[in-house]
Amino acid sequence: MIVAGIGCKAGVSEAEVLAAFRAALATHRIKAGDVEALAVPEQKSAEPGIHAAAQAWGQLVLVIGRADLARAGEKTLTRSDRSLEVTGAPSASEAAALAALGTRGKLLGPRVAVGPVTCALASDGVF
């Protein structure tokens, strides 16, 4: 299973989320159909742009709580002081993707940033 973790500034558009998602797919040579869900920090769960992008790609949106983000944050590859302050994790997108997969989750690489959106891909090794 592959999950795409999304981090963003407030008010992002569907197009901005999709651009980051596509960039992460291209970076890791993954097909969109191989991704089974988008994971977001609970603080971003009401962002219309995220939900519109998920609907456009036919993805579920998994909402990850602060405690789970913080635990997964121990395995992130990148660090943002702002993300740590707001979400409790050094990289919201990386931690969200990892937390959605539980202890077996591994990042395919560092998050990809496109404008105000970051996207990280994680896998449980089965895809």
C-alpha atoms as a PDB file:
ATOM      1  CA  MET A   1       0.000   0.000   0.000  1.00  0.00           C
ATOM      2  CA  ILE A   2       1.205   3.505  -0.801  1.00  0.00           C
ATOM      3  CA  VAL A   3      -0.137   6.601   0.949  1.00  0.00           C
ATOM      4  CA  ALA A   4       0.489  10.208  -0.054  1.00  0.00           C
ATOM      5  CA  GLY A   5       0.910  12.563   2.886  1.00  0.00           C
ATOM      6  CA  ILE A   6      -0.061  16.173   2.241  1.00  0.00           C
ATOM      7  CA  GLY A   7       1.097  19.268   4.096  1.00  0.00           C
ATOM      8  CA  CYS A   8       0.127  22.778   3.074  1.00  0.00           C
ATOM      9  CA  LYS A   9      -0.486  26.378   3.914  1.00  0.00           C
ATOM     10  CA  ALA A  10      -4.077  27.445   4.537  1.00  0.00           C
ATOM     11  CA  GLY A  11      -6.279  28.075   1.531  1.00  0.00           C
ATOM     12  CA  VAL A  12      -4.483  25.942  -1.046  1.00  0.00           C
ATOM     13  CA  SER A  13      -6.301  25.123  -4.246  1.00  0.00           C
ATOM     14  CA  GLU A  14      -7.080  21.764  -5.780  1.00  0.00           C
ATOM     15  CA  ALA A  15      -4.599  22.553  -8.570  1.00  0.00           C
ATOM     16  CA  GLU A  16      -1.809  23.259  -6.066  1.00  0.00           C
ATOM     17  CA  VAL A  17      -2.417  19.985  -4.222  1.00  0.00           C
ATOM     18  CA  LEU A  18      -2.551  18.044  -7.481  1.00  0.00           C
ATOM     19  CA  ALA A  19       0.686  19.662  -8.685  1.00  0.00           C
ATOM     20  CA  ALA A  20       2.535  18.507  -5.554  1.00  0.00           C
ATOM     21  CA  PHE A  21       0.958  15.044  -5.791  1.00  0.00           C
ATOM     22  CA  ARG A  22       2.005  14.691  -9.439  1.00  0.00           C
ATOM     23  CA  ALA A  23       5.520  15.924  -8.662  1.00  0.00           C
ATOM     24  CA  ALA A  24       5.917  13.352  -5.880  1.00  0.00           C
ATOM     25  CA  LEU A  25       4.637  10.593  -8.171  1.00  0.00           C
ATOM     26  CA  ALA A  26       7.109  11.611 -10.879  1.00  0.00           C
ATOM     27  CA  THR A  27      10.003  11.905  -8.423  1.00  0.00           C
ATOM     28  CA  HIS A  28       9.466   8.359  -7.155  1.00  0.00           C
ATOM     29  CA  ARG A  29       8.250   6.885 -10.463  1.00  0.00           C
ATOM     30  CA  ILE A  30       4.933   5.818  -8.967  1.00  0.00           C
ATOM     31  CA  LYS A  31       1.648   5.646 -10.872  1.00  0.00           C
ATOM     32  CA  ALA A  32      -1.316   7.512  -9.413  1.00  0.00           C
ATOM     33  CA  GLY A  33      -3.281   4.263  -9.370  1.00  0.00           C
ATOM     34  CA  ASP A  34      -0.743   2.757  -6.961  1.00  0.00           C
ATOM     35  CA  VAL A  35      -1.630   5.328  -4.283  1.00  0.00           C
ATOM     36  CA  GLU A  36      -4.525   4.199  -2.129  1.00  0.00           C
ATOM     37  CA  ALA A  37      -5.150   7.241   0.067  1.00  0.00           C
ATOM     38  CA  LEU A  38      -4.138  10.772   0.982  1.00  0.00           C
ATOM     39  CA  ALA A  39      -3.207  11.406   4.617  1.00  0.00           C
ATOM     40  CA  VAL A  40      -3.406  14.844   6.216  1.00  0.00           C
ATOM     41  CA  PRO A  41      -2.767  16.292   9.672  1.00  0.00           C
ATOM     42  CA  GLU A  42      -6.000  16.956  11.524  1.00  0.00           C
ATOM     43  CA  GLN A  43      -5.254  20.698  11.355  1.00  0.00           C
ATOM     44  CA  LYS A  44      -5.624  20.507   7.549  1.00  0.00           C
ATOM     45  CA  SER A  45      -8.630  18.179   7.455  1.00  0.00           C
ATOM     46  CA  ALA A  46     -11.071  20.937   6.487  1.00  0.00           C
ATOM     47  CA  GLU A  47      -9.036  22.315   3.552  1.00  0.00           C
ATOM     48  CA  PRO A  48     -11.372  22.308   0.523  1.00  0.00           C
ATOM     49  CA  GLY A  49      -8.427  22.091  -1.912  1.00  0.00           C
ATOM     50  CA  ILE A  50      -7.259  18.820  -0.368  1.00  0.00           C
ATOM     51  CA  HIS A  51     -10.715  17.259  -0.560  1.00  0.00           C
ATOM     52  CA  ALA A  52     -11.241  18.446  -4.130  1.00  0.00           C
ATOM     53  CA  ALA A  53      -7.881  16.962  -5.153  1.00  0.00           C
ATOM     54  CA  ALA A  54      -8.681  13.687  -3.409  1.00  0.00           C
ATOM     55  CA  GLN A  55     -12.029  13.521  -5.166  1.00  0.00           C
ATOM     56  CA  ALA A  56     -10.402  14.277  -8.535  1.00  0.00           C
ATOM     57  CA  TRP A  57      -8.017  11.345  -8.045  1.00  0.00           C
ATOM     58  CA  GLY A  58     -10.619   9.110  -6.411  1.00  0.00           C
ATOM     59  CA  GLN A  59      -8.676   8.926  -3.125  1.00  0.00           C
ATOM     60  CA  LEU A  60      -9.771   8.580   0.482  1.00  0.00           C
ATOM     61  CA  VAL A  61      -8.623  11.295   2.887  1.00  0.00           C
ATOM     62  CA  LEU A  62      -7.207   9.879   6.109  1.00  0.00           C
ATOM     63  CA  VAL A  63      -7.038  12.370   8.983  1.00  0.00           C
ATOM     64  CA  ILE A  64      -4.050  11.877  11.283  1.00  0.00           C
ATOM     65  CA  GLY A  65      -4.109  13.163  14.865  1.00  0.00           C
ATOM     66  CA  ARG A  66      -1.329  15.149  16.516  1.00  0.00           C
ATOM     67  CA  ALA A  67      -0.139  12.274  18.748  1.00  0.00           C
ATOM     68  CA  ASP A  68       0.198   9.934  15.764  1.00  0.00           C
ATOM     69  CA  LEU A  69       2.012  12.638  13.786  1.00  0.00           C
ATOM     70  CA  ALA A  70       4.448  13.182  16.637  1.00  0.00           C
ATOM     71  CA  ARG A  71       5.207   9.431  16.889  1.00  0.00           C
ATOM     72  CA  ALA A  72       5.721   9.137  13.143  1.00  0.00           C
ATOM     73  CA  GLY A  73       7.806  12.315  13.223  1.00  0.00           C
ATOM     74  CA  GLU A  74      10.703  10.266  14.598  1.00  0.00           C
ATOM     75  CA  LYS A  75      11.048   8.669  11.138  1.00  0.00           C
ATOM     76  CA  THR A  76      10.755  11.771   8.939  1.00  0.00           C
ATOM     77  CA  LEU A  77      13.581  12.735   6.605  1.00  0.00           C
ATOM     78  CA  THR A  78      13.095  16.507   6.557  1.00  0.00           C
ATOM     79  CA  ARG A  79      12.467  19.165   9.173  1.00  0.00           C
ATOM     80  CA  SER A  80      10.463  22.366   9.316  1.00  0.00           C
ATOM     81  CA  ASP A  81      10.307  24.300  12.568  1.00  0.00           C
ATOM     82  CA  ARG A  82       6.926  25.686  11.482  1.00  0.00           C
ATOM     83  CA  SER A  83       5.557  22.199  10.879  1.00  0.00           C
ATOM     84  CA  LEU A  84       6.847  21.046  14.265  1.00  0.00           C
ATOM     85  CA  GLU A  85       5.144  23.990  15.959  1.00  0.00           C
ATOM     86  CA  VAL A  86       1.797  23.565  14.178  1.00  0.00           C
ATOM     87  CA  THR A  87       1.480  19.781  13.866  1.00  0.00           C
ATOM     88  CA  GLY A  88       3.927  18.292  16.372  1.00  0.00           C
ATOM     89  CA  ALA A  89       5.941  16.653  13.570  1.00  0.00           C
ATOM     90  CA  PRO A  90       9.075  17.902  11.800  1.00  0.00           C
ATOM     91  CA  SER A  91       7.413  17.241   8.422  1.00  0.00           C
ATOM     92  CA  ALA A  92       3.623  17.128   8.354  1.00  0.00           C
ATOM     93  CA  SER A  93       3.399  15.411   4.973  1.00  0.00           C
ATOM     94  CA  GLU A  94       6.016  12.772   5.769  1.00  0.00           C
ATOM     95  CA  ALA A  95       4.605  12.069   9.235  1.00  0.00           C
ATOM     96  CA  ALA A  96       1.030  11.859   7.917  1.00  0.00           C
ATOM     97  CA  ALA A  97       2.009   9.315   5.253  1.00  0.00           C
ATOM     98  CA  LEU A  98       3.996   7.257   7.775  1.00  0.00           C
ATOM     99  CA  ALA A  99       1.315   7.384  10.475  1.00  0.00           C
ATOM    100  CA  ALA A 100      -1.365   6.224   8.042  1.00  0.00           C
ATOM    101  CA  LEU A 101       0.616   3.026   7.483  1.00  0.00           C
ATOM    102  CA  GLY A 102       1.540   2.301  11.076  1.00  0.00           C
ATOM    103  CA  THR A 103       4.830   0.780  12.148  1.00  0.00           C
ATOM    104  CA  ARG A 104       5.524  -0.865   8.774  1.00  0.00           C
ATOM    105  CA  GLY A 105       5.459   2.429   6.876  1.00  0.00           C
ATOM    106  CA  LYS A 106       8.624   3.653   5.183  1.00  0.00           C
ATOM    107  CA  LEU A 107       9.108   6.827   3.194  1.00  0.00           C
ATOM    108  CA  LEU A 108      10.008   6.427  -0.472  1.00  0.00           C
ATOM    109  CA  GLY A 109      12.123   9.568  -0.051  1.00  0.00           C
ATOM    110  CA  PRO A 110      11.902  13.101   1.309  1.00  0.00           C
ATOM    111  CA  ARG A 111       8.795  15.199   0.757  1.00  0.00           C
ATOM    112  CA  VAL A 112       8.395  17.078  -2.502  1.00  0.00           C
ATOM    113  CA  ALA A 113       7.457  20.752  -2.242  1.00  0.00           C
ATOM    114  CA  VAL A 114       5.563  22.590  -4.971  1.00  0.00           C
ATOM    115  CA  GLY A 115       4.546  26.083  -3.981  1.00  0.00           C
ATOM    116  CA  PRO A 116       2.543  25.995  -0.738  1.00  0.00           C
ATOM    117  CA  VAL A 117       2.051  22.200  -0.742  1.00  0.00           C
ATOM    118  CA  THR A 118       4.298  19.311   0.244  1.00  0.00           C
ATOM    119  CA  CYS A 119       3.664  15.697  -0.658  1.00  0.00           C
ATOM    120  CA  ALA A 120       5.437  12.640   0.723  1.00  0.00           C
ATOM    121  CA  LEU A 121       4.911   9.048  -0.345  1.00  0.00           C
ATOM    122  CA  ALA A 122       5.206   6.138   2.064  1.00  0.00           C
ATOM    123  CA  SER A 123       4.709   2.425   1.566  1.00  0.00           C
ATOM    124  CA  ASP A 124       4.147  -0.588   3.759  1.00  0.00           C
ATOM    125  CA  GLY A 125       6.284  -2.550   1.304  1.00  0.00           C
ATOM    126  CA  VAL A 126       3.340  -4.222  -0.402  1.00  0.00           C
ATOM    127  CA  PHE A 127       2.515  -2.712  -3.805  1.00  0.00           C
END
